[in-house]
C-alpha atoms as a PDB file:
ATOM      1  CA  UNK A   1     183.986 134.446 137.047  1.00  0.00           C
ATOM      2  CA  UNK A   2     180.805 133.042 138.399  1.00  0.00           C
ATOM      3  CA  UNK A   3     177.561 134.756 137.332  1.00  0.00           C
ATOM      4  CA  UNK A   4     175.628 136.432 140.065  1.00  0.00           C
ATOM      5  CA  UNK A   5     171.861 135.863 140.439  1.00  0.00           C
ATOM      6  CA  UNK A   6     169.341 138.336 141.868  1.00  0.00           C
ATOM      7  CA  UNK A   7     165.637 137.851 142.642  1.00  0.00           C
ATOM      8  CA  UNK A   8     163.615 140.943 142.353  1.00  0.00           C
ATOM      9  CA  UNK A   9     160.161 140.944 144.033  1.00  0.00           C
ATOM     10  CA  UNK A  10     157.966 143.577 142.385  1.00  0.00           C
ATOM     11  CA  UNK A  11     159.707 144.117 139.076  1.00  0.00           C
ATOM     12  CA  UNK A  12     156.936 144.859 136.523  1.00  0.00           C
ATOM     13  CA  UNK A  13     157.542 148.620 136.623  1.00  0.00           C
ATOM     14  CA  UNK A  14     159.068 151.609 138.217  1.00  0.00           C
ATOM     15  CA  UNK A  15     162.149 150.989 140.443  1.00  0.00           C
ATOM     16  CA  UNK A  16     161.840 147.187 140.036  1.00  0.00           C
ATOM     17  CA  UNK A  17     161.809 147.296 136.212  1.00  0.00           C
ATOM     18  CA  UNK A  18     164.764 149.601 136.318  1.00  0.00           C
ATOM     19  CA  UNK A  19     166.585 147.332 138.832  1.00  0.00           C
ATOM     20  CA  UNK A  20     165.932 144.430 136.514  1.00  0.00           C
ATOM     21  CA  UNK A  21     167.234 146.306 133.483  1.00  0.00           C
ATOM     22  CA  UNK A  22     170.462 147.527 135.151  1.00  0.00           C
ATOM     23  CA  UNK A  23     171.411 144.116 136.739  1.00  0.00           C
ATOM     24  CA  UNK A  24     170.828 142.436 133.475  1.00  0.00           C
ATOM     25  CA  UNK A  25     172.992 144.839 131.563  1.00  0.00           C
ATOM     26  CA  UNK A  26     175.882 144.364 133.914  1.00  0.00           C
ATOM     27  CA  UNK A  27     175.775 140.593 133.446  1.00  0.00           C
ATOM     28  CA  UNK A  28     173.747 139.404 136.341  1.00  0.00           C
ATOM     29  CA  UNK A  29     171.127 136.700 136.031  1.00  0.00           C
ATOM     30  CA  UNK A  30     167.920 138.314 136.945  1.00  0.00           C
ATOM     31  CA  UNK A  31     164.843 136.560 138.298  1.00  0.00           C
ATOM     32  CA  UNK A  32     161.960 138.937 138.167  1.00  0.00           C
ATOM     33  CA  UNK A  33     158.998 138.353 140.339  1.00  0.00           C
ATOM     34  CA  UNK A  34     155.658 139.896 139.009  1.00  0.00           C
ATOM     35  CA  UNK A  35     152.053 139.256 139.746  1.00  0.00           C
ATOM     36  CA  UNK A  36     151.255 139.027 136.047  1.00  0.00           C
ATOM     37  CA  UNK A  37     153.998 137.949 133.988  1.00  0.00           C
ATOM     38  CA  UNK A  38     152.031 138.207 130.705  1.00  0.00           C
ATOM     39  CA  UNK A  39     151.457 141.892 131.401  1.00  0.00           C
ATOM     40  CA  UNK A  40     155.241 142.615 132.051  1.00  0.00           C
ATOM     41  CA  UNK A  41     155.985 143.715 128.614  1.00  0.00           C
ATOM     42  CA  UNK A  42     158.889 145.928 129.743  1.00  0.00           C
ATOM     43  CA  UNK A  43     160.487 142.988 131.395  1.00  0.00           C
ATOM     44  CA  UNK A  44     160.032 140.623 128.494  1.00  0.00           C
ATOM     45  CA  UNK A  45     162.074 142.802 126.279  1.00  0.00           C
ATOM     46  CA  UNK A  46     165.059 142.605 128.600  1.00  0.00           C
ATOM     47  CA  UNK A  47     167.716 140.121 127.617  1.00  0.00           C
ATOM     48  CA  UNK A  48     168.911 137.974 130.696  1.00  0.00           C
ATOM     49  CA  UNK A  49     165.671 138.346 132.484  1.00  0.00           C
ATOM     50  CA  UNK A  50     163.669 135.310 133.686  1.00  0.00           C
ATOM     51  CA  UNK A  51     159.965 136.527 134.486  1.00  0.00           C
ATOM     52  CA  UNK A  52     158.243 134.493 137.188  1.00  0.00           C
ATOM     53  CA  UNK A  53     154.912 134.753 138.837  1.00  0.00           C
ATOM     54  CA  UNK A  54     155.243 136.147 142.343  1.00  0.00           C
ATOM     55  CA  UNK A  55     152.440 137.712 144.600  1.00  0.00           C
ATOM     56  CA  UNK A  56     153.978 138.873 147.860  1.00  0.00           C
ATOM     57  CA  UNK A  57     150.632 138.699 149.500  1.00  0.00           C
ATOM     58  CA  UNK A  58     150.506 134.873 148.746  1.00  0.00           C
ATOM     59  CA  UNK A  59     152.331 132.467 150.868  1.00  0.00           C
ATOM     60  CA  UNK A  60     151.891 129.794 148.273  1.00  0.00           C
ATOM     61  CA  UNK A  61     153.144 132.158 145.646  1.00  0.00           C
ATOM     62  CA  UNK A  62     156.420 132.841 147.529  1.00  0.00           C
ATOM     63  CA  UNK A  63     156.634 129.086 148.187  1.00  0.00           C
ATOM     64  CA  UNK A  64     156.399 128.632 144.289  1.00  0.00           C
ATOM     65  CA  UNK A  65     159.523 130.608 143.538  1.00  0.00           C
ATOM     66  CA  UNK A  66     161.560 129.487 146.708  1.00  0.00           C
ATOM     67  CA  UNK A  67     162.853 126.534 144.600  1.00  0.00           C
ATOM     68  CA  UNK A  68     165.356 128.965 143.106  1.00  0.00           C
ATOM     69  CA  UNK A  69     167.191 128.851 146.294  1.00  0.00           C
ATOM     70  CA  UNK A  70     167.714 125.057 145.832  1.00  0.00           C
ATOM     71  CA  UNK A  71     168.614 125.299 142.191  1.00  0.00           C
ATOM     72  CA  UNK A  72     171.165 128.071 142.492  1.00  0.00           C
ATOM     73  CA  UNK A  73     172.373 130.453 145.241  1.00  0.00           C
ATOM     74  CA  UNK A  74     171.097 134.046 145.172  1.00  0.00           C
ATOM     75  CA  UNK A  75     173.661 136.637 145.659  1.00  0.00           C
ATOM     76  CA  UNK A  76     170.969 139.323 146.167  1.00  0.00           C
ATOM     77  CA  UNK A  77     167.267 139.309 147.177  1.00  0.00           C
ATOM     78  CA  UNK A  78     165.763 142.654 146.360  1.00  0.00           C
ATOM     79  CA  UNK A  79     162.282 143.247 147.878  1.00  0.00           C
ATOM     80  CA  UNK A  80     160.711 146.168 145.949  1.00  0.00           C
ATOM     81  CA  UNK A  81     157.106 145.192 145.846  1.00  0.00           C
ATOM     82  CA  UNK A  82     154.924 147.839 147.708  1.00  0.00           C
ATOM     83  CA  UNK A  83     151.782 149.956 147.615  1.00  0.00           C
ATOM     84  CA  UNK A  84     150.986 153.421 148.769  1.00  0.00           C
ATOM     85  CA  UNK A  85     147.550 152.989 150.273  1.00  0.00           C
ATOM     86  CA  UNK A  86     145.309 155.894 150.874  1.00  0.00           C
ATOM     87  CA  UNK A  87     146.887 159.271 150.644  1.00  0.00           C
ATOM     88  CA  UNK A  88     145.687 161.203 153.502  1.00  0.00           C
ATOM     89  CA  UNK A  89     146.645 164.715 154.673  1.00  0.00           C
ATOM     90  CA  UNK A  90     146.309 164.333 158.264  1.00  0.00           C
ATOM     91  CA  UNK A  91     145.927 161.634 160.968  1.00  0.00           C
ATOM     92  CA  UNK A  92     143.189 159.458 159.562  1.00  0.00           C
ATOM     93  CA  UNK A  93     142.922 155.681 160.135  1.00  0.00           C
ATOM     94  CA  UNK A  94     142.325 153.606 157.129  1.00  0.00           C
ATOM     95  CA  UNK A  95     139.483 151.216 156.458  1.00  0.00           C
ATOM     96  CA  UNK A  96     139.974 147.583 157.151  1.00  0.00           C
ATOM     97  CA  UNK A  97     140.652 146.538 153.534  1.00  0.00           C
ATOM     98  CA  UNK A  98     143.166 149.338 152.848  1.00  0.00           C
ATOM     99  CA  UNK A  99     145.053 148.523 156.029  1.00  0.00           C
ATOM    100  CA  UNK A 100     145.140 144.847 155.249  1.00  0.00           C
ATOM    101  CA  UNK A 101     146.295 145.593 151.704  1.00  0.00           C
ATOM    102  CA  UNK A 102     149.042 147.856 152.713  1.00  0.00           C
ATOM    103  CA  UNK A 103     150.313 145.827 155.601  1.00  0.00           C
ATOM    104  CA  UNK A 104     150.187 142.471 153.633  1.00  0.00           C
ATOM    105  CA  UNK A 105     152.121 143.831 150.785  1.00  0.00           C
ATOM    106  CA  UNK A 106     154.704 146.187 152.645  1.00  0.00           C
ATOM    107  CA  UNK A 107     155.362 144.200 155.625  1.00  0.00           C
ATOM    108  CA  UNK A 108     154.053 140.478 155.664  1.00  0.00           C
ATOM    109  CA  UNK A 109     155.283 140.068 152.078  1.00  0.00           C
ATOM    110  CA  UNK A 110     158.935 141.027 153.080  1.00  0.00           C
ATOM    111  CA  UNK A 111     158.743 138.822 156.124  1.00  0.00           C
ATOM    112  CA  UNK A 112     157.856 135.857 154.231  1.00  0.00           C
ATOM    113  CA  UNK A 113     160.309 136.375 151.343  1.00  0.00           C
ATOM    114  CA  UNK A 114     163.247 136.786 153.666  1.00  0.00           C
ATOM    115  CA  UNK A 115     162.231 133.637 155.633  1.00  0.00           C
ATOM    116  CA  UNK A 116     162.034 131.680 152.316  1.00  0.00           C
ATOM    117  CA  UNK A 117     165.407 132.731 151.066  1.00  0.00           C
ATOM    118  CA  UNK A 118     167.193 133.918 154.138  1.00  0.00           C
ATOM    119  CA  UNK A 119     169.185 130.795 154.874  1.00  0.00           C
ATOM    120  CA  UNK A 120     170.212 130.300 151.287  1.00  0.00           C
ATOM    121  CA  UNK A 121     171.423 133.763 150.830  1.00  0.00           C
ATOM    122  CA  UNK A 122     173.360 133.677 154.166  1.00  0.00           C
ATOM    123  CA  UNK A 123     174.972 130.441 152.930  1.00  0.00           C
ATOM    124  CA  UNK A 124     176.115 132.305 149.750  1.00  0.00           C
ATOM    125  CA  UNK A 125     177.149 135.214 151.845  1.00  0.00           C
ATOM    126  CA  UNK A 126     174.723 137.301 149.835  1.00  0.00           C
ATOM    127  CA  UNK A 127     172.538 140.420 150.498  1.00  0.00           C
ATOM    128  CA  UNK A 128     168.940 141.019 151.326  1.00  0.00           C
ATOM    129  CA  UNK A 129     167.846 144.612 150.450  1.00  0.00           C
ATOM    130  CA  UNK A 130     164.451 145.799 151.256  1.00  0.00           C
ATOM    131  CA  UNK A 131     163.179 149.046 149.725  1.00  0.00           C
ATOM    132  CA  UNK A 132     161.813 151.102 152.532  1.00  0.00           C
ATOM    133  CA  UNK A 133     161.180 154.886 152.571  1.00  0.00           C
ATOM    134  CA  UNK A 134     162.373 157.768 154.573  1.00  0.00           C
ATOM    135  CA  UNK A 135     158.681 158.187 155.250  1.00  0.00           C
ATOM    136  CA  UNK A 136     159.006 155.276 157.651  1.00  0.00           C
ATOM    137  CA  UNK A 137     161.677 157.046 159.559  1.00  0.00           C
ATOM    138  CA  UNK A 138     160.273 157.939 163.134  1.00  0.00           C
ATOM    139  CA  UNK A 139     163.189 160.237 163.694  1.00  0.00           C
ATOM    140  CA  UNK A 140     162.493 162.183 160.459  1.00  0.00           C
ATOM    141  CA  UNK A 141     158.809 162.291 160.721  1.00  0.00           C
ATOM    142  CA  UNK A 142     157.407 165.868 160.104  1.00  0.00           C
ATOM    143  CA  UNK A 143     153.852 165.234 159.029  1.00  0.00           C
ATOM    144  CA  UNK A 144     151.116 162.775 159.855  1.00  0.00           C
ATOM    145  CA  UNK A 145     150.306 162.426 156.007  1.00  0.00           C
ATOM    146  CA  UNK A 146     149.908 159.028 154.481  1.00  0.00           C
ATOM    147  CA  UNK A 147     149.550 157.520 157.842  1.00  0.00           C
ATOM    148  CA  UNK A 148     149.210 153.887 156.877  1.00  0.00           C
ATOM    149  CA  UNK A 149     152.062 154.014 154.293  1.00  0.00           C
ATOM    150  CA  UNK A 150     154.391 155.652 156.975  1.00  0.00           C
ATOM    151  CA  UNK A 151     153.174 153.048 159.493  1.00  0.00           C
ATOM    152  CA  UNK A 152     153.943 150.212 157.160  1.00  0.00           C
ATOM    153  CA  UNK A 153     157.405 151.355 156.234  1.00  0.00           C
ATOM    154  CA  UNK A 154     158.360 151.797 160.040  1.00  0.00           C
ATOM    155  CA  UNK A 155     157.193 148.241 160.470  1.00  0.00           C
ATOM    156  CA  UNK A 156     159.188 146.780 157.653  1.00  0.00           C
ATOM    157  CA  UNK A 157     162.264 148.598 159.012  1.00  0.00           C
ATOM    158  CA  UNK A 158     161.791 146.407 162.175  1.00  0.00           C
ATOM    159  CA  UNK A 159     161.478 143.371 159.952  1.00  0.00           C
ATOM    160  CA  UNK A 160     164.930 144.328 158.373  1.00  0.00           C
ATOM    161  CA  UNK A 161     166.447 144.730 161.938  1.00  0.00           C
ATOM    162  CA  UNK A 162     165.261 141.524 163.199  1.00  0.00           C
ATOM    163  CA  UNK A 163     166.256 139.696 159.977  1.00  0.00           C
ATOM    164  CA  UNK A 164     169.740 141.069 160.381  1.00  0.00           C
ATOM    165  CA  UNK A 165     170.045 139.646 163.748  1.00  0.00           C
ATOM    166  CA  UNK A 166     168.885 136.422 162.264  1.00  0.00           C
ATOM    167  CA  UNK A 167     170.629 135.844 159.365  1.00  0.00           C
ATOM    168  CA  UNK A 168     173.551 138.426 159.777  1.00  0.00           C
ATOM    169  CA  UNK A 169     175.490 135.890 162.034  1.00  0.00           C
ATOM    170  CA  UNK A 170     174.944 133.203 159.415  1.00  0.00           C
ATOM    171  CA  UNK A 171     176.616 135.211 156.828  1.00  0.00           C
ATOM    172  CA  UNK A 172     173.915 137.468 155.079  1.00  0.00           C
ATOM    173  CA  UNK A 173     173.949 141.283 155.038  1.00  0.00           C
ATOM    174  CA  UNK A 174     170.333 142.546 155.412  1.00  0.00           C
ATOM    175  CA  UNK A 175     169.496 146.214 154.912  1.00  0.00           C
ATOM    176  CA  UNK A 176     166.633 148.772 154.281  1.00  0.00           C
ATOM    177  CA  UNK A 177     167.154 151.200 151.570  1.00  0.00           C
ATOM    178  CA  UNK A 178     165.370 154.533 150.836  1.00  0.00           C
ATOM    179  CA  UNK A 179     165.492 155.061 146.969  1.00  0.00           C
ATOM    180  CA  UNK A 180     164.870 158.697 147.192  1.00  0.00           C
ATOM    181  CA  UNK A 181     161.608 160.469 145.762  1.00  0.00           C
ATOM    182  CA  UNK A 182     161.473 158.915 142.504  1.00  0.00           C
ATOM    183  CA  UNK A 183     159.439 159.762 139.302  1.00  0.00           C
ATOM    184  CA  UNK A 184     157.336 156.506 139.055  1.00  0.00           C
ATOM    185  CA  UNK A 185     153.736 155.776 139.156  1.00  0.00           C
ATOM    186  CA  UNK A 186     154.148 155.650 142.973  1.00  0.00           C
ATOM    187  CA  UNK A 187     156.305 158.703 143.377  1.00  0.00           C
ATOM    188  CA  UNK A 188     154.388 160.897 140.943  1.00  0.00           C
ATOM    189  CA  UNK A 189     155.304 163.214 138.226  1.00  0.00           C
ATOM    190  CA  UNK A 190     156.750 166.001 140.622  1.00  0.00           C
ATOM    191  CA  UNK A 191     159.304 163.625 142.130  1.00  0.00           C
ATOM    192  CA  UNK A 192     162.831 165.094 141.302  1.00  0.00           C
ATOM    193  CA  UNK A 193     164.622 161.945 140.867  1.00  0.00           C
ATOM    194  CA  UNK A 194     164.709 159.665 137.797  1.00  0.00           C
ATOM    195  CA  UNK A 195     164.470 155.930 138.118  1.00  0.00           C
ATOM    196  CA  UNK A 196     167.825 155.522 136.405  1.00  0.00           C
ATOM    197  CA  UNK A 197     169.622 157.679 138.936  1.00  0.00           C
ATOM    198  CA  UNK A 198     167.904 156.160 141.915  1.00  0.00           C
ATOM    199  CA  UNK A 199     168.883 152.697 140.889  1.00  0.00           C
ATOM    200  CA  UNK A 200     172.340 153.488 139.926  1.00  0.00           C
ATOM    201  CA  UNK A 201     172.828 154.723 143.364  1.00  0.00           C
ATOM    202  CA  UNK A 202     171.208 151.807 145.032  1.00  0.00           C
ATOM    203  CA  UNK A 203     173.243 149.465 143.085  1.00  0.00           C
ATOM    204  CA  UNK A 204     176.412 151.190 144.050  1.00  0.00           C
ATOM    205  CA  UNK A 205     175.400 151.168 147.828  1.00  0.00           C
ATOM    206  CA  UNK A 206     174.397 147.494 147.554  1.00  0.00           C
ATOM    207  CA  UNK A 207     177.764 146.693 145.765  1.00  0.00           C
ATOM    208  CA  UNK A 208     179.785 148.301 148.614  1.00  0.00           C
ATOM    209  CA  UNK A 209     177.969 146.810 151.664  1.00  0.00           C
ATOM    210  CA  UNK A 210     180.129 144.930 154.197  1.00  0.00           C
ATOM    211  CA  UNK A 211     178.992 142.834 157.235  1.00  0.00           C
ATOM    212  CA  UNK A 212     179.416 145.962 159.461  1.00  0.00           C
ATOM    213  CA  UNK A 213     176.371 147.427 157.561  1.00  0.00           C
ATOM    214  CA  UNK A 214     174.160 144.541 158.675  1.00  0.00           C
ATOM    215  CA  UNK A 215     170.931 146.029 159.864  1.00  0.00           C
ATOM    216  CA  UNK A 216     171.521 149.462 158.500  1.00  0.00           C
ATOM    217  CA  UNK A 217     168.898 151.965 156.947  1.00  0.00           C
ATOM    218  CA  UNK A 218     170.610 153.807 154.103  1.00  0.00           C
ATOM    219  CA  UNK A 219     169.538 156.111 151.270  1.00  0.00           C
ATOM    220  CA  UNK A 220     170.558 155.737 147.656  1.00  0.00           C
ATOM    221  CA  UNK A 221     173.553 157.729 148.238  1.00  0.00           C
ATOM    222  CA  UNK A 222     174.828 155.411 151.133  1.00  0.00           C
ATOM    223  CA  UNK A 223     173.901 158.137 153.883  1.00  0.00           C
ATOM    224  CA  UNK A 224     172.528 156.674 157.028  1.00  0.00           C
ATOM    225  CA  UNK A 225     168.660 157.386 157.494  1.00  0.00           C
ATOM    226  CA  UNK A 226     167.634 157.800 161.277  1.00  0.00           C
ATOM    227  CA  UNK A 227     165.253 154.994 162.446  1.00  0.00           C
END
């Protein structure tokens, strides 16, 4: 049986680190992209993980890992890199720097990653999974809090939908995934879900995807999330 390969963008901690652990344990070859490989102590301890420098805010950094698509086909591109930005309680526009940081990381980064690997993954009939958030669901929005984060996740959902139209007909399955409210540095200590349980669910959802799911927005249980 041919070993499958996954590239995880944003794998140094939290959900990305747990994804790397679980995929490696189950026999996948894991390429873990992180901004500072020397500081990714948790990853360096996981057998079967290749740690590579990857800053999703840098076009040249993305190009620097794109050679993996030429060396071996990816079965899965998992885009996890993301930032919260300012936590606001009401409708409050961010400053220029905060807006640029969040939108470059959460939207432009996934755009560039998908473009860099889309054709290769489509040729391998693989999957592109972007970790979004229910906070980016326009249909489910019930608060104006964390305005720029919500906006970025709504925007990346559109990136996923457009990528599905581009690469789906070529053979890829492209989806947005909501991991739940998870107890990580980003999710906070009061979150009800452990990273292990979220990632176990996400992996199951990814493994059961079919071409009919192309362009879908699903949570870690496989339930459809409204756009």
